[in-house]
Amino acid sequence: MSVITGLEKRRSRYLLNKELPVAKEKVEEVIKRVTELVPDAFDMKSARVVAAFGEEHEALWDEIERVFEGKVPHDKIQSFRNGAGTICIFTKKR
């Protein structure tokens, strides 16, 4: 199969659910530690991370759906909303 054919046939499957295999605090601890240890290309450690769980996670996906105004199918957004949380990574644009 060629690279182009492989890309054309590629599909993502998201089977997310509300169950975390570890405690939420452990997820937050790992995110914090990794963010501290992994610098950007200029060794600036400029990434910022926001983790949303529970009601904050639900509110985030409600707002994402509102902002996209139907341009992204509801089922696609719902597949992410079905997860236990959302991790957003922000990097400083130079």
N, C-alpha and C. Protein backbone atom coordinates (compact mmCIF):
# COMPACT_ATOMS: atom_id res chain seq x y z
N MET A 1 0.85 -1.17 0.00
CA MET A 1 0.00 0.00 0.00
C MET A 1 0.90 1.24 0.00
N SER A 2 0.58 2.19 -0.85
CA SER A 2 1.37 3.42 -0.89
C SER A 2 1.03 4.31 0.30
N VAL A 3 1.91 5.25 0.56
CA VAL A 3 1.67 6.19 1.66
C VAL A 3 0.38 6.96 1.42
N ILE A 4 0.17 7.42 0.20
CA ILE A 4 -1.05 8.18 -0.13
C ILE A 4 -2.29 7.33 0.10
N THR A 5 -2.27 6.10 -0.36
CA THR A 5 -3.42 5.20 -0.17
C THR A 5 -3.66 4.96 1.32
N GLY A 6 -2.58 4.76 2.05
CA GLY A 6 -2.71 4.57 3.49
C GLY A 6 -3.35 5.76 4.16
N LEU A 7 -2.96 6.96 3.76
CA LEU A 7 -3.54 8.18 4.33
C LEU A 7 -5.01 8.33 3.93
N GLU A 8 -5.32 7.97 2.69
CA GLU A 8 -6.71 8.07 2.24
C GLU A 8 -7.63 7.12 3.01
N LYS A 9 -7.12 5.97 3.40
CA LYS A 9 -7.93 4.96 4.09
C LYS A 9 -7.88 5.08 5.61
N ARG A 10 -7.07 5.98 6.11
CA ARG A 10 -6.90 6.13 7.55
C ARG A 10 -8.19 6.59 8.21
N ARG A 11 -8.49 5.99 9.33
CA ARG A 11 -9.64 6.39 10.13
C ARG A 11 -9.25 6.35 11.59
N SER A 12 -9.74 7.29 12.35
CA SER A 12 -9.50 7.30 13.79
C SER A 12 -10.71 6.71 14.49
N ARG A 13 -10.46 5.94 15.50
CA ARG A 13 -11.53 5.36 16.31
C ARG A 13 -11.33 5.82 17.74
N TYR A 14 -12.33 6.44 18.29
CA TYR A 14 -12.27 6.92 19.66
C TYR A 14 -13.29 6.17 20.49
N LEU A 15 -12.82 5.34 21.38
CA LEU A 15 -13.70 4.59 22.28
C LEU A 15 -13.48 5.10 23.70
N LEU A 16 -13.71 6.38 23.87
CA LEU A 16 -13.47 7.02 25.16
C LEU A 16 -14.64 6.77 26.10
N ASN A 17 -14.33 6.76 27.40
CA ASN A 17 -15.38 6.64 28.39
C ASN A 17 -14.98 7.42 29.64
N LYS A 18 -15.86 7.48 30.61
CA LYS A 18 -15.65 8.29 31.81
C LYS A 18 -14.74 7.64 32.85
N GLU A 19 -14.29 6.43 32.61
CA GLU A 19 -13.49 5.70 33.59
C GLU A 19 -12.00 5.95 33.37
N LEU A 20 -11.33 6.48 34.37
CA LEU A 20 -9.88 6.63 34.32
C LEU A 20 -9.24 5.38 34.93
N PRO A 21 -8.18 4.85 34.32
CA PRO A 21 -7.53 3.67 34.90
C PRO A 21 -6.68 4.00 36.13
N VAL A 22 -6.46 5.28 36.38
CA VAL A 22 -5.72 5.75 37.55
C VAL A 22 -6.47 6.94 38.14
N ALA A 23 -6.08 7.37 39.32
CA ALA A 23 -6.72 8.52 39.95
C ALA A 23 -6.46 9.80 39.17
N LYS A 24 -7.43 10.70 39.17
CA LYS A 24 -7.29 12.00 38.50
C LYS A 24 -6.05 12.73 38.99
N GLU A 25 -5.76 12.64 40.27
CA GLU A 25 -4.59 13.30 40.85
C GLU A 25 -3.29 12.76 40.24
N LYS A 26 -3.26 11.48 39.94
CA LYS A 26 -2.08 10.87 39.31
C LYS A 26 -1.89 11.42 37.90
N VAL A 27 -2.99 11.57 37.17
CA VAL A 27 -2.93 12.15 35.82
C VAL A 27 -2.36 13.57 35.91
N GLU A 28 -2.88 14.36 36.83
CA GLU A 28 -2.41 15.73 37.00
C GLU A 28 -0.94 15.77 37.40
N GLU A 29 -0.53 14.86 38.27
CA GLU A 29 0.86 14.79 38.71
C GLU A 29 1.80 14.48 37.53
N VAL A 30 1.42 13.52 36.71
CA VAL A 30 2.25 13.16 35.56
C VAL A 30 2.31 14.31 34.57
N ILE A 31 1.19 14.97 34.30
CA ILE A 31 1.18 16.11 33.38
C ILE A 31 2.11 17.20 33.90
N LYS A 32 2.01 17.52 35.18
CA LYS A 32 2.85 18.57 35.77
C LYS A 32 4.33 18.21 35.65
N ARG A 33 4.66 16.99 35.98
CA ARG A 33 6.06 16.56 35.95
C ARG A 33 6.61 16.58 34.52
N VAL A 34 5.85 16.05 33.58
CA VAL A 34 6.31 16.02 32.19
C VAL A 34 6.47 17.44 31.65
N THR A 35 5.53 18.32 31.97
CA THR A 35 5.61 19.71 31.52
C THR A 35 6.86 20.39 32.06
N GLU A 36 7.23 20.07 33.29
CA GLU A 36 8.44 20.65 33.88
C GLU A 36 9.71 20.11 33.23
N LEU A 37 9.69 18.85 32.81
CA LEU A 37 10.90 18.20 32.31
C LEU A 37 11.16 18.36 30.82
N VAL A 38 10.12 18.63 30.05
CA VAL A 38 10.27 18.66 28.59
C VAL A 38 10.29 20.09 28.09
N PRO A 39 11.47 20.59 27.76
CA PRO A 39 11.57 21.97 27.24
C PRO A 39 11.21 22.01 25.76
N ASP A 40 10.97 23.22 25.26
CA ASP A 40 10.77 23.38 23.82
C ASP A 40 12.14 23.43 23.14
N ALA A 41 12.16 23.69 21.86
CA ALA A 41 13.41 23.68 21.09
C ALA A 41 14.42 24.70 21.60
N PHE A 42 13.95 25.75 22.27
CA PHE A 42 14.84 26.80 22.75
C PHE A 42 15.10 26.67 24.26
N ASP A 43 14.75 25.50 24.83
CA ASP A 43 14.94 25.23 26.25
C ASP A 43 14.22 26.25 27.14
N MET A 44 13.06 26.69 26.68
CA MET A 44 12.32 27.74 27.38
C MET A 44 11.21 27.19 28.28
N LYS A 45 10.83 25.94 28.10
CA LYS A 45 9.73 25.35 28.88
C LYS A 45 8.49 26.24 28.82
N SER A 46 8.11 26.59 27.59
CA SER A 46 7.03 27.56 27.39
C SER A 46 5.64 26.94 27.31
N ALA A 47 5.53 25.63 27.33
CA ALA A 47 4.21 25.00 27.22
C ALA A 47 3.41 25.21 28.50
N ARG A 48 2.12 25.39 28.34
CA ARG A 48 1.19 25.48 29.46
C ARG A 48 0.13 24.42 29.23
N VAL A 49 -0.28 23.78 30.30
CA VAL A 49 -1.23 22.68 30.18
C VAL A 49 -2.43 22.95 31.08
N VAL A 50 -3.61 22.67 30.55
CA VAL A 50 -4.85 22.76 31.32
C VAL A 50 -5.51 21.39 31.24
N ALA A 51 -5.84 20.84 32.39
CA ALA A 51 -6.55 19.57 32.46
C ALA A 51 -7.95 19.85 33.00
N ALA A 52 -8.95 19.37 32.30
CA ALA A 52 -10.34 19.57 32.72
C ALA A 52 -10.99 18.21 32.94
N PHE A 53 -11.60 18.04 34.11
CA PHE A 53 -12.31 16.81 34.46
C PHE A 53 -13.71 17.18 34.95
N GLY A 54 -14.60 16.22 34.93
CA GLY A 54 -15.94 16.41 35.48
C GLY A 54 -16.71 17.53 34.79
N GLU A 55 -17.30 18.41 35.60
CA GLU A 55 -18.13 19.49 35.06
C GLU A 55 -17.34 20.43 34.14
N GLU A 56 -16.07 20.68 34.47
CA GLU A 56 -15.25 21.55 33.62
C GLU A 56 -15.04 20.91 32.24
N HIS A 57 -14.82 19.61 32.22
CA HIS A 57 -14.68 18.87 30.96
C HIS A 57 -15.96 18.99 30.13
N GLU A 58 -17.09 18.76 30.77
CA GLU A 58 -18.39 18.85 30.07
C GLU A 58 -18.61 20.27 29.53
N ALA A 59 -18.34 21.28 30.36
CA ALA A 59 -18.53 22.67 29.94
C ALA A 59 -17.62 23.03 28.78
N LEU A 60 -16.39 22.52 28.80
CA LEU A 60 -15.45 22.77 27.71
C LEU A 60 -16.01 22.26 26.38
N TRP A 61 -16.51 21.03 26.38
CA TRP A 61 -17.04 20.46 25.13
C TRP A 61 -18.36 21.11 24.72
N ASP A 62 -19.15 21.59 25.69
CA ASP A 62 -20.36 22.37 25.34
C ASP A 62 -19.94 23.63 24.59
N GLU A 63 -18.91 24.29 25.10
CA GLU A 63 -18.44 25.54 24.47
C GLU A 63 -17.81 25.26 23.10
N ILE A 64 -17.05 24.19 22.98
CA ILE A 64 -16.46 23.82 21.69
C ILE A 64 -17.56 23.59 20.67
N GLU A 65 -18.60 22.87 21.07
CA GLU A 65 -19.70 22.61 20.14
C GLU A 65 -20.40 23.91 19.75
N ARG A 66 -20.58 24.81 20.70
CA ARG A 66 -21.21 26.10 20.40
C ARG A 66 -20.35 26.91 19.42
N VAL A 67 -19.06 26.96 19.66
CA VAL A 67 -18.16 27.76 18.82
C VAL A 67 -18.10 27.22 17.39
N PHE A 68 -18.09 25.90 17.24
CA PHE A 68 -18.01 25.31 15.90
C PHE A 68 -19.31 25.44 15.11
N GLU A 69 -20.40 25.80 15.77
CA GLU A 69 -21.68 26.09 15.11
C GLU A 69 -22.08 25.04 14.08
N GLY A 70 -21.94 23.77 14.41
CA GLY A 70 -22.36 22.70 13.51
C GLY A 70 -21.36 22.34 12.42
N LYS A 71 -20.22 23.02 12.37
CA LYS A 71 -19.20 22.71 11.34
C LYS A 71 -18.50 21.39 11.61
N VAL A 72 -18.53 20.95 12.86
CA VAL A 72 -18.01 19.63 13.24
C VAL A 72 -19.23 18.82 13.67
N PRO A 73 -19.38 17.61 13.14
CA PRO A 73 -20.55 16.82 13.48
C PRO A 73 -20.69 16.61 15.00
N HIS A 74 -21.92 16.65 15.45
CA HIS A 74 -22.22 16.46 16.87
C HIS A 74 -21.62 15.15 17.39
N ASP A 75 -21.71 14.07 16.60
CA ASP A 75 -21.19 12.77 17.03
C ASP A 75 -19.69 12.82 17.28
N LYS A 76 -18.96 13.58 16.50
CA LYS A 76 -17.51 13.70 16.67
C LYS A 76 -17.20 14.40 18.00
N ILE A 77 -17.89 15.51 18.24
CA ILE A 77 -17.70 16.23 19.50
C ILE A 77 -18.12 15.36 20.67
N GLN A 78 -19.23 14.66 20.52
CA GLN A 78 -19.71 13.79 21.59
C GLN A 78 -18.71 12.69 21.92
N SER A 79 -17.99 12.21 20.91
CA SER A 79 -17.01 11.15 21.17
C SER A 79 -15.92 11.63 22.12
N PHE A 80 -15.55 12.91 22.04
CA PHE A 80 -14.56 13.47 22.96
C PHE A 80 -15.20 13.81 24.31
N ARG A 81 -16.43 14.29 24.28
CA ARG A 81 -17.16 14.58 25.52
C ARG A 81 -17.33 13.31 26.35
N ASN A 82 -17.39 12.16 25.71
CA ASN A 82 -17.56 10.88 26.40
C ASN A 82 -16.36 10.50 27.25
N GLY A 83 -15.24 11.18 27.07
CA GLY A 83 -14.04 10.88 27.83
C GLY A 83 -14.14 11.35 29.27
N ALA A 84 -13.18 10.92 30.08
CA ALA A 84 -13.15 11.28 31.50
C ALA A 84 -12.60 12.69 31.71
N GLY A 85 -11.89 13.20 30.74
CA GLY A 85 -11.31 14.53 30.88
C GLY A 85 -10.67 14.98 29.57
N THR A 86 -10.20 16.20 29.58
CA THR A 86 -9.53 16.77 28.40
C THR A 86 -8.26 17.44 28.86
N ILE A 87 -7.20 17.23 28.10
CA ILE A 87 -5.92 17.88 28.37
C ILE A 87 -5.61 18.79 27.19
N CYS A 88 -5.47 20.08 27.46
CA CYS A 88 -5.13 21.06 26.43
C CYS A 88 -3.70 21.52 26.65
N ILE A 89 -2.90 21.49 25.60
CA ILE A 89 -1.50 21.92 25.68
C ILE A 89 -1.35 23.18 24.85
N PHE A 90 -0.89 24.24 25.48
CA PHE A 90 -0.70 25.51 24.81
C PHE A 90 0.80 25.81 24.72
N THR A 91 1.22 26.23 23.56
CA THR A 91 2.61 26.63 23.41
C THR A 91 2.65 28.09 22.98
N LYS A 92 3.66 28.76 23.43
CA LYS A 92 3.81 30.17 23.11
C LYS A 92 4.28 30.31 21.67
N LYS A 93 3.55 31.08 20.90
CA LYS A 93 3.93 31.32 19.52
C LYS A 93 5.00 32.40 19.51
N ARG A 94 6.01 32.17 18.75
CA ARG A 94 7.13 33.13 18.69
C ARG A 94 6.92 34.11 17.58
